[in-house]
C-alpha cells in the first residue's frame, strides 16, 4: 500500500513507514490494556487491495484482533442509507486525565482537535456511526464469510 501511493518513495522511506505502522501494533499488548473501538467500511474489505493473499491476511488479522477482550470491531455495511461519517474518517482518543481529543486526516495532512465543542460533535458522530454499523458479533460473521469467499 505504501509503495502504490504517490509520490514515489525509496526503500528507506517505505521501510520507515512500515516500521512505524508495525510499532503501533504493540499498543494492543500494552498493560494496563487500552480499549479500542473501530468501525471499518465493508467496501474497503471487498476492494481487494494488494490481491487475494493480502486481503486474506487482512481478514485473518482483523478476525484475530477482534477476538481480543479489549477490541471492538464493527463493520459499516455497504448498503447503509443513513451514514454519519459522510464528512470523512475520524479518530478519537481519551487521554489518561479523561480529556478527549479528535483527529481528522486528509491528503498529506492531519488535524489534532482539542476544542471541547468540536470533540463533542465528533463523539456524537461516532456514537451515531456505532448505531448504524453491524454489531461486533455480526461484523465477525461478515469477516468470516468474506474470508471464506477468497
N, C-alpha and C. Protein backbone atom coordinates (compact mmCIF):
# COMPACT_ATOMS: atom_id res chain seq x y z
N UNK A 1 0.83 -1.19 0.00
CA UNK A 1 0.00 0.00 0.00
C UNK A 1 0.87 1.25 0.00
N UNK A 2 1.91 1.26 0.81
CA UNK A 2 2.79 2.42 0.91
C UNK A 2 3.46 2.72 -0.42
N UNK A 3 3.86 1.66 -1.13
CA UNK A 3 4.56 1.85 -2.40
C UNK A 3 3.65 2.36 -3.51
N UNK A 4 2.34 2.11 -3.41
CA UNK A 4 1.44 2.46 -4.51
C UNK A 4 0.90 3.89 -4.43
N UNK A 5 1.18 4.59 -3.35
CA UNK A 5 0.65 5.94 -3.16
C UNK A 5 1.73 6.96 -3.51
N UNK A 6 1.48 7.79 -4.56
CA UNK A 6 2.47 8.82 -4.93
C UNK A 6 2.70 9.80 -3.79
N UNK A 7 3.83 10.45 -3.71
CA UNK A 7 4.94 10.37 -4.65
C UNK A 7 5.73 9.07 -4.44
N UNK A 8 6.54 8.72 -5.44
CA UNK A 8 7.37 7.53 -5.37
C UNK A 8 8.32 7.64 -4.18
N UNK A 9 8.44 6.55 -3.43
CA UNK A 9 9.30 6.55 -2.25
C UNK A 9 10.46 5.59 -2.48
N UNK A 10 11.59 5.92 -1.87
CA UNK A 10 12.72 4.99 -1.95
C UNK A 10 12.55 3.93 -0.86
N UNK A 11 13.42 2.94 -0.88
CA UNK A 11 13.32 1.81 0.05
C UNK A 11 13.37 2.27 1.51
N UNK A 12 14.18 3.26 1.80
CA UNK A 12 14.31 3.76 3.17
C UNK A 12 12.99 4.39 3.65
N UNK A 13 12.36 5.17 2.79
CA UNK A 13 11.08 5.80 3.16
C UNK A 13 10.00 4.75 3.38
N UNK A 14 9.94 3.76 2.52
CA UNK A 14 8.96 2.68 2.67
C UNK A 14 9.20 1.93 3.97
N UNK A 15 10.46 1.58 4.23
CA UNK A 15 10.80 0.86 5.45
C UNK A 15 10.43 1.66 6.69
N UNK A 16 10.64 2.95 6.65
CA UNK A 16 10.31 3.82 7.78
C UNK A 16 8.80 3.83 8.05
N UNK A 17 8.00 3.95 6.99
CA UNK A 17 6.54 3.96 7.16
C UNK A 17 6.02 2.62 7.65
N UNK A 18 6.55 1.53 7.09
CA UNK A 18 6.12 0.20 7.51
C UNK A 18 6.50 -0.05 8.97
N UNK A 19 7.71 0.34 9.35
CA UNK A 19 8.16 0.17 10.73
C UNK A 19 7.26 0.93 11.69
N UNK A 20 6.90 2.16 11.35
CA UNK A 20 6.02 2.96 12.21
C UNK A 20 4.67 2.28 12.39
N UNK A 21 4.11 1.74 11.31
CA UNK A 21 2.82 1.04 11.41
C UNK A 21 2.94 -0.21 12.29
N UNK A 22 4.00 -0.97 12.11
CA UNK A 22 4.18 -2.18 12.89
C UNK A 22 4.40 -1.87 14.37
N UNK A 23 5.12 -0.79 14.67
CA UNK A 23 5.34 -0.42 16.06
C UNK A 23 4.04 -0.06 16.78
N UNK A 24 3.10 0.52 16.04
CA UNK A 24 1.80 0.86 16.65
C UNK A 24 1.03 -0.39 17.07
N UNK A 25 1.34 -1.53 16.47
CA UNK A 25 0.65 -2.78 16.83
C UNK A 25 0.92 -3.16 18.28
N UNK A 26 2.03 -2.69 18.85
CA UNK A 26 2.35 -3.01 20.24
C UNK A 26 1.34 -2.41 21.22
N UNK A 27 0.59 -1.42 20.78
CA UNK A 27 -0.42 -0.82 21.66
C UNK A 27 -1.48 -1.85 22.06
N UNK A 28 -1.72 -2.85 21.22
CA UNK A 28 -2.71 -3.87 21.54
C UNK A 28 -2.27 -4.75 22.71
N UNK A 29 -0.97 -4.81 22.96
CA UNK A 29 -0.41 -5.64 24.04
C UNK A 29 -0.13 -4.85 25.31
N UNK A 30 -0.34 -3.57 25.28
CA UNK A 30 0.03 -2.67 26.38
C UNK A 30 -0.68 -3.04 27.68
N UNK A 31 0.03 -2.88 28.78
CA UNK A 31 -0.53 -3.11 30.11
C UNK A 31 -0.35 -1.85 30.92
N UNK A 32 -1.35 -1.32 31.59
CA UNK A 32 -2.71 -1.83 31.54
C UNK A 32 -3.28 -1.73 30.12
N UNK A 33 -4.24 -2.60 29.81
CA UNK A 33 -4.75 -2.62 28.44
C UNK A 33 -5.48 -1.34 28.05
N UNK A 34 -5.46 -1.08 26.77
CA UNK A 34 -6.18 0.05 26.20
C UNK A 34 -7.42 -0.50 25.52
N UNK A 35 -8.54 0.18 25.67
CA UNK A 35 -9.77 -0.22 24.98
C UNK A 35 -9.76 0.40 23.58
N UNK A 36 -10.04 -0.43 22.58
CA UNK A 36 -10.09 0.02 21.18
C UNK A 36 -11.47 -0.24 20.63
N UNK A 37 -11.94 0.69 19.81
CA UNK A 37 -13.21 0.54 19.11
C UNK A 37 -13.00 1.06 17.69
N UNK A 38 -13.31 0.20 16.71
CA UNK A 38 -13.10 0.54 15.31
C UNK A 38 -14.38 0.31 14.51
N UNK A 39 -14.58 1.16 13.53
CA UNK A 39 -15.63 0.93 12.53
C UNK A 39 -14.92 0.98 11.17
N UNK A 40 -15.10 -0.08 10.40
CA UNK A 40 -14.45 -0.18 9.09
C UNK A 40 -15.53 -0.35 8.03
N UNK A 41 -15.36 0.34 6.92
CA UNK A 41 -16.29 0.24 5.80
C UNK A 41 -16.17 -1.13 5.12
N UNK A 42 -17.29 -1.79 4.89
CA UNK A 42 -17.30 -3.08 4.21
C UNK A 42 -16.64 -2.99 2.84
N UNK A 43 -16.91 -1.91 2.12
CA UNK A 43 -16.34 -1.75 0.77
C UNK A 43 -14.82 -1.80 0.80
N UNK A 44 -14.21 -1.28 1.85
CA UNK A 44 -12.75 -1.32 1.98
C UNK A 44 -12.25 -2.76 2.02
N UNK A 45 -12.97 -3.61 2.72
CA UNK A 45 -12.56 -5.01 2.85
C UNK A 45 -12.78 -5.79 1.56
N UNK A 46 -13.71 -5.35 0.75
CA UNK A 46 -14.04 -6.05 -0.50
C UNK A 46 -13.24 -5.52 -1.69
N UNK A 47 -12.51 -4.46 -1.50
CA UNK A 47 -11.76 -3.83 -2.58
C UNK A 47 -10.68 -4.75 -3.13
N UNK A 48 -10.07 -5.56 -2.28
CA UNK A 48 -9.04 -6.49 -2.73
C UNK A 48 -7.68 -5.85 -2.93
N UNK A 49 -7.43 -4.75 -2.25
CA UNK A 49 -6.14 -4.07 -2.39
C UNK A 49 -5.01 -5.04 -2.08
N UNK A 50 -4.05 -5.12 -3.00
CA UNK A 50 -2.90 -6.00 -2.81
C UNK A 50 -3.13 -7.41 -3.31
N UNK A 51 -4.35 -7.72 -3.74
CA UNK A 51 -4.65 -9.05 -4.26
C UNK A 51 -5.23 -9.97 -3.19
N UNK A 52 -5.62 -11.19 -3.60
CA UNK A 52 -6.29 -12.12 -2.69
C UNK A 52 -5.46 -12.52 -1.47
N UNK A 53 -4.15 -12.70 -1.63
CA UNK A 53 -3.32 -13.10 -0.48
C UNK A 53 -3.27 -12.01 0.57
N UNK A 54 -3.13 -10.77 0.15
CA UNK A 54 -3.09 -9.65 1.09
C UNK A 54 -4.46 -9.48 1.76
N UNK A 55 -5.53 -9.61 0.98
CA UNK A 55 -6.87 -9.49 1.54
C UNK A 55 -7.13 -10.60 2.55
N UNK A 56 -6.71 -11.81 2.25
CA UNK A 56 -6.86 -12.95 3.16
C UNK A 56 -6.11 -12.65 4.47
N UNK A 57 -4.89 -12.16 4.35
CA UNK A 57 -4.09 -11.83 5.53
C UNK A 57 -4.76 -10.72 6.35
N UNK A 58 -5.30 -9.72 5.67
CA UNK A 58 -6.00 -8.63 6.36
C UNK A 58 -7.20 -9.17 7.14
N UNK A 59 -8.02 -9.99 6.49
CA UNK A 59 -9.20 -10.54 7.16
C UNK A 59 -8.82 -11.41 8.35
N UNK A 60 -7.77 -12.23 8.19
CA UNK A 60 -7.29 -13.04 9.31
C UNK A 60 -6.84 -12.16 10.47
N UNK A 61 -6.13 -11.10 10.13
CA UNK A 61 -5.65 -10.16 11.15
C UNK A 61 -6.82 -9.52 11.90
N UNK A 62 -7.82 -9.07 11.15
CA UNK A 62 -8.98 -8.43 11.78
C UNK A 62 -9.75 -9.43 12.65
N UNK A 63 -9.89 -10.65 12.18
CA UNK A 63 -10.57 -11.67 12.99
C UNK A 63 -9.81 -11.94 14.29
N UNK A 64 -8.49 -12.01 14.18
CA UNK A 64 -7.68 -12.26 15.38
C UNK A 64 -7.77 -11.09 16.35
N UNK A 65 -7.59 -9.89 15.85
CA UNK A 65 -7.65 -8.71 16.73
C UNK A 65 -9.02 -8.54 17.36
N UNK A 66 -10.06 -8.75 16.58
CA UNK A 66 -11.42 -8.53 17.09
C UNK A 66 -11.85 -9.58 18.10
N UNK A 67 -11.08 -10.65 18.25
CA UNK A 67 -11.41 -11.67 19.25
C UNK A 67 -10.86 -11.31 20.63
N UNK A 68 -10.07 -10.27 20.71
CA UNK A 68 -9.48 -9.86 21.99
C UNK A 68 -10.49 -9.09 22.84
N UNK A 69 -10.33 -9.20 24.14
CA UNK A 69 -11.28 -8.60 25.07
C UNK A 69 -11.31 -7.08 25.01
N UNK A 70 -10.21 -6.46 24.58
CA UNK A 70 -10.14 -5.00 24.61
C UNK A 70 -10.34 -4.36 23.23
N UNK A 71 -10.81 -5.14 22.26
CA UNK A 71 -11.00 -4.64 20.90
C UNK A 71 -12.44 -4.90 20.47
N UNK A 72 -13.10 -3.83 20.06
CA UNK A 72 -14.43 -3.96 19.47
C UNK A 72 -14.35 -3.46 18.03
N UNK A 73 -14.72 -4.34 17.12
CA UNK A 73 -14.66 -4.02 15.69
C UNK A 73 -16.06 -4.14 15.12
N UNK A 74 -16.49 -3.08 14.45
CA UNK A 74 -17.78 -3.09 13.77
C UNK A 74 -17.55 -2.74 12.30
N UNK A 75 -18.39 -3.31 11.46
CA UNK A 75 -18.30 -3.03 10.03
C UNK A 75 -19.54 -2.24 9.61
N UNK A 76 -19.27 -1.17 8.88
CA UNK A 76 -20.35 -0.38 8.30
C UNK A 76 -20.75 -1.08 7.00
N UNK A 77 -21.99 -1.56 6.92
CA UNK A 77 -22.38 -2.31 5.72
C UNK A 77 -22.39 -1.44 4.47
N UNK A 78 -22.13 -2.10 3.35
CA UNK A 78 -22.09 -1.42 2.06
C UNK A 78 -23.42 -0.72 1.78
N UNK A 79 -24.52 -1.38 2.10
CA UNK A 79 -25.85 -0.79 1.88
C UNK A 79 -26.34 -0.21 3.20
N UNK A 80 -26.08 1.06 3.40
CA UNK A 80 -26.50 1.75 4.62
C UNK A 80 -26.97 3.14 4.22
N UNK A 81 -28.31 3.33 4.14
CA UNK A 81 -28.82 4.63 3.66
C UNK A 81 -28.46 5.81 4.56
N UNK A 82 -28.38 5.60 5.87
CA UNK A 82 -28.00 6.66 6.80
C UNK A 82 -26.57 6.40 7.25
N UNK A 83 -25.73 7.42 7.11
CA UNK A 83 -24.32 7.24 7.43
C UNK A 83 -23.79 8.55 8.01
N UNK A 84 -23.44 8.54 9.29
CA UNK A 84 -22.99 9.75 9.97
C UNK A 84 -21.54 10.11 9.65
N UNK A 85 -20.89 9.33 8.81
CA UNK A 85 -19.49 9.58 8.51
C UNK A 85 -19.24 10.18 7.15
N UNK A 86 -20.24 10.81 6.57
CA UNK A 86 -20.05 11.37 5.23
C UNK A 86 -19.00 12.47 5.17
N UNK A 87 -18.68 13.09 6.29
CA UNK A 87 -17.64 14.13 6.30
C UNK A 87 -16.23 13.56 6.30
N UNK A 88 -16.10 12.24 6.35
CA UNK A 88 -14.80 11.61 6.29
C UNK A 88 -14.43 10.89 7.58
N UNK A 89 -13.27 10.23 7.55
CA UNK A 89 -12.86 9.46 8.72
C UNK A 89 -12.55 10.34 9.92
N UNK A 90 -12.71 9.74 11.09
CA UNK A 90 -12.39 10.46 12.32
C UNK A 90 -11.76 9.49 13.31
N UNK A 91 -10.95 10.03 14.18
CA UNK A 91 -10.34 9.25 15.25
C UNK A 91 -10.55 10.01 16.55
N UNK A 92 -10.77 9.24 17.60
CA UNK A 92 -10.96 9.82 18.92
C UNK A 92 -10.01 9.15 19.90
N UNK A 93 -9.53 9.92 20.86
CA UNK A 93 -8.61 9.42 21.86
C UNK A 93 -8.96 10.03 23.20
N UNK A 94 -9.05 9.18 24.21
CA UNK A 94 -9.23 9.66 25.57
C UNK A 94 -7.89 9.56 26.29
N UNK A 95 -7.40 10.67 26.79
CA UNK A 95 -6.12 10.71 27.49
C UNK A 95 -6.28 10.18 28.91
N UNK A 96 -5.17 9.95 29.58
CA UNK A 96 -5.21 9.41 30.95
C UNK A 96 -6.00 10.30 31.91
N UNK A 97 -6.00 11.61 31.64
CA UNK A 97 -6.74 12.53 32.51
C UNK A 97 -8.20 12.67 32.07
N UNK A 98 -8.66 11.76 31.23
CA UNK A 98 -10.03 11.69 30.73
C UNK A 98 -10.42 12.83 29.81
N UNK A 99 -9.45 13.54 29.30
CA UNK A 99 -9.72 14.57 28.30
C UNK A 99 -9.75 13.91 26.93
N UNK A 100 -10.72 14.31 26.12
CA UNK A 100 -10.89 13.73 24.79
C UNK A 100 -10.26 14.61 23.72
N UNK A 101 -9.70 13.97 22.70
CA UNK A 101 -9.12 14.64 21.55
C UNK A 101 -9.67 13.97 20.29
N UNK A 102 -9.76 14.76 19.25
CA UNK A 102 -10.14 14.22 17.95
C UNK A 102 -8.99 14.38 16.99
N UNK A 103 -9.03 13.58 15.93
CA UNK A 103 -8.02 13.68 14.90
C UNK A 103 -8.71 13.43 13.57
N UNK A 104 -8.51 14.34 12.65
CA UNK A 104 -9.06 14.20 11.31
C UNK A 104 -7.89 14.19 10.33
N UNK A 105 -7.95 13.29 9.37
CA UNK A 105 -6.85 13.14 8.44
C UNK A 105 -7.36 13.32 7.02
N UNK A 106 -6.53 13.93 6.21
CA UNK A 106 -6.85 14.12 4.79
C UNK A 106 -5.59 13.87 3.99
N UNK A 107 -5.62 14.20 2.72
CA UNK A 107 -4.46 14.01 1.87
C UNK A 107 -3.26 14.76 2.43
N UNK A 108 -2.25 14.02 2.86
CA UNK A 108 -0.95 14.56 3.29
C UNK A 108 -1.01 15.51 4.49
N UNK A 109 -2.10 15.50 5.24
CA UNK A 109 -2.15 16.36 6.42
C UNK A 109 -3.12 15.78 7.44
N UNK A 110 -2.99 16.23 8.65
CA UNK A 110 -3.88 15.82 9.71
C UNK A 110 -4.12 16.98 10.65
N UNK A 111 -5.18 16.88 11.42
CA UNK A 111 -5.55 17.97 12.33
C UNK A 111 -5.91 17.39 13.69
N UNK A 112 -5.15 17.77 14.72
CA UNK A 112 -5.47 17.39 16.09
C UNK A 112 -6.50 18.38 16.61
N UNK A 113 -7.59 17.87 17.15
CA UNK A 113 -8.70 18.72 17.60
C UNK A 113 -8.83 18.59 19.11
N UNK A 114 -8.72 19.72 19.79
CA UNK A 114 -8.84 19.72 21.25
C UNK A 114 -9.99 20.58 21.74
N UNK A 115 -10.57 21.39 20.87
CA UNK A 115 -11.71 22.23 21.26
C UNK A 115 -12.85 21.33 21.73
N UNK A 116 -13.32 21.56 22.96
CA UNK A 116 -14.31 20.66 23.58
C UNK A 116 -15.59 20.55 22.75
N UNK A 117 -16.04 21.65 22.17
CA UNK A 117 -17.27 21.61 21.38
C UNK A 117 -17.09 20.77 20.11
N UNK A 118 -15.95 20.93 19.45
CA UNK A 118 -15.68 20.16 18.23
C UNK A 118 -15.50 18.67 18.54
N UNK A 119 -14.81 18.38 19.65
CA UNK A 119 -14.63 16.98 20.04
C UNK A 119 -15.98 16.38 20.41
N UNK A 120 -16.83 17.14 21.05
CA UNK A 120 -18.17 16.67 21.39
C UNK A 120 -18.96 16.28 20.14
N UNK A 121 -18.85 17.08 19.10
CA UNK A 121 -19.52 16.76 17.84
C UNK A 121 -18.97 15.46 17.27
N UNK A 122 -17.66 15.28 17.33
CA UNK A 122 -17.06 14.05 16.84
C UNK A 122 -17.52 12.84 17.65
N UNK A 123 -17.63 13.00 18.96
CA UNK A 123 -18.13 11.91 19.80
C UNK A 123 -19.58 11.57 19.45
N UNK A 124 -20.38 12.58 19.19
CA UNK A 124 -21.77 12.34 18.79
C UNK A 124 -21.84 11.59 17.47
N UNK A 125 -20.99 11.99 16.53
CA UNK A 125 -20.96 11.31 15.23
C UNK A 125 -20.52 9.87 15.37
N UNK A 126 -19.51 9.64 16.22
CA UNK A 126 -19.03 8.27 16.41
C UNK A 126 -20.12 7.40 17.04
N UNK A 127 -20.84 7.96 18.00
CA UNK A 127 -21.94 7.22 18.62
C UNK A 127 -22.99 6.85 17.57
N UNK A 128 -23.31 7.78 16.69
CA UNK A 128 -24.28 7.53 15.63
C UNK A 128 -23.76 6.46 14.67
N UNK A 129 -22.48 6.55 14.30
CA UNK A 129 -21.87 5.55 13.43
C UNK A 129 -21.97 4.15 14.05
N UNK A 130 -21.71 4.06 15.34
CA UNK A 130 -21.78 2.76 16.02
C UNK A 130 -23.18 2.18 15.96
N UNK A 131 -24.18 3.05 16.04
CA UNK A 131 -25.56 2.56 15.98
C UNK A 131 -25.94 2.15 14.55
N UNK A 132 -25.25 2.67 13.55
CA UNK A 132 -25.55 2.36 12.15
C UNK A 132 -24.78 1.15 11.64
N UNK A 133 -23.67 0.83 12.27
CA UNK A 133 -22.82 -0.28 11.83
C UNK A 133 -23.37 -1.61 12.35
N UNK A 134 -22.85 -2.69 11.77
CA UNK A 134 -23.20 -4.03 12.27
C UNK A 134 -22.69 -4.18 13.70
N UNK A 135 -23.34 -5.03 14.47
CA UNK A 135 -22.83 -5.32 15.81
C UNK A 135 -21.47 -5.99 15.70
N UNK A 136 -20.74 -6.04 16.79
CA UNK A 136 -19.43 -6.70 16.79
C UNK A 136 -19.57 -8.17 16.38
N UNK A 137 -20.58 -8.84 16.88
CA UNK A 137 -20.80 -10.25 16.54
C UNK A 137 -21.14 -10.42 15.06
N UNK A 138 -22.05 -9.59 14.54
CA UNK A 138 -22.40 -9.67 13.13
C UNK A 138 -21.21 -9.29 12.24
N UNK A 139 -20.39 -8.37 12.72
CA UNK A 139 -19.20 -7.97 11.97
C UNK A 139 -18.22 -9.13 11.86
N UNK A 140 -18.02 -9.86 12.95
CA UNK A 140 -17.14 -11.04 12.89
C UNK A 140 -17.70 -12.08 11.93
N UNK A 141 -19.02 -12.23 11.93
CA UNK A 141 -19.64 -13.16 10.99
C UNK A 141 -19.39 -12.75 9.55
N UNK A 142 -19.49 -11.47 9.26
CA UNK A 142 -19.24 -10.98 7.91
C UNK A 142 -17.76 -11.18 7.53
N UNK A 143 -16.86 -10.89 8.46
CA UNK A 143 -15.43 -11.11 8.20
C UNK A 143 -15.17 -12.58 7.87
N UNK A 144 -15.80 -13.47 8.60
CA UNK A 144 -15.63 -14.91 8.37
C UNK A 144 -16.16 -15.29 6.99
N UNK A 145 -17.31 -14.76 6.61
CA UNK A 145 -17.88 -15.06 5.28
C UNK A 145 -17.00 -14.50 4.17
N UNK A 146 -16.50 -13.28 4.34
CA UNK A 146 -15.61 -12.69 3.34
C UNK A 146 -14.34 -13.52 3.21
N UNK A 147 -13.81 -13.98 4.34
CA UNK A 147 -12.60 -14.80 4.34
C UNK A 147 -12.85 -16.12 3.62
N UNK A 148 -14.01 -16.72 3.85
CA UNK A 148 -14.34 -17.99 3.23
C UNK A 148 -14.55 -17.87 1.73
N UNK A 149 -14.91 -16.68 1.26
CA UNK A 149 -15.17 -16.47 -0.17
C UNK A 149 -13.89 -16.31 -0.98
N UNK A 150 -12.75 -16.15 -0.32
CA UNK A 150 -11.48 -15.95 -1.05
C UNK A 150 -10.88 -17.27 -1.51
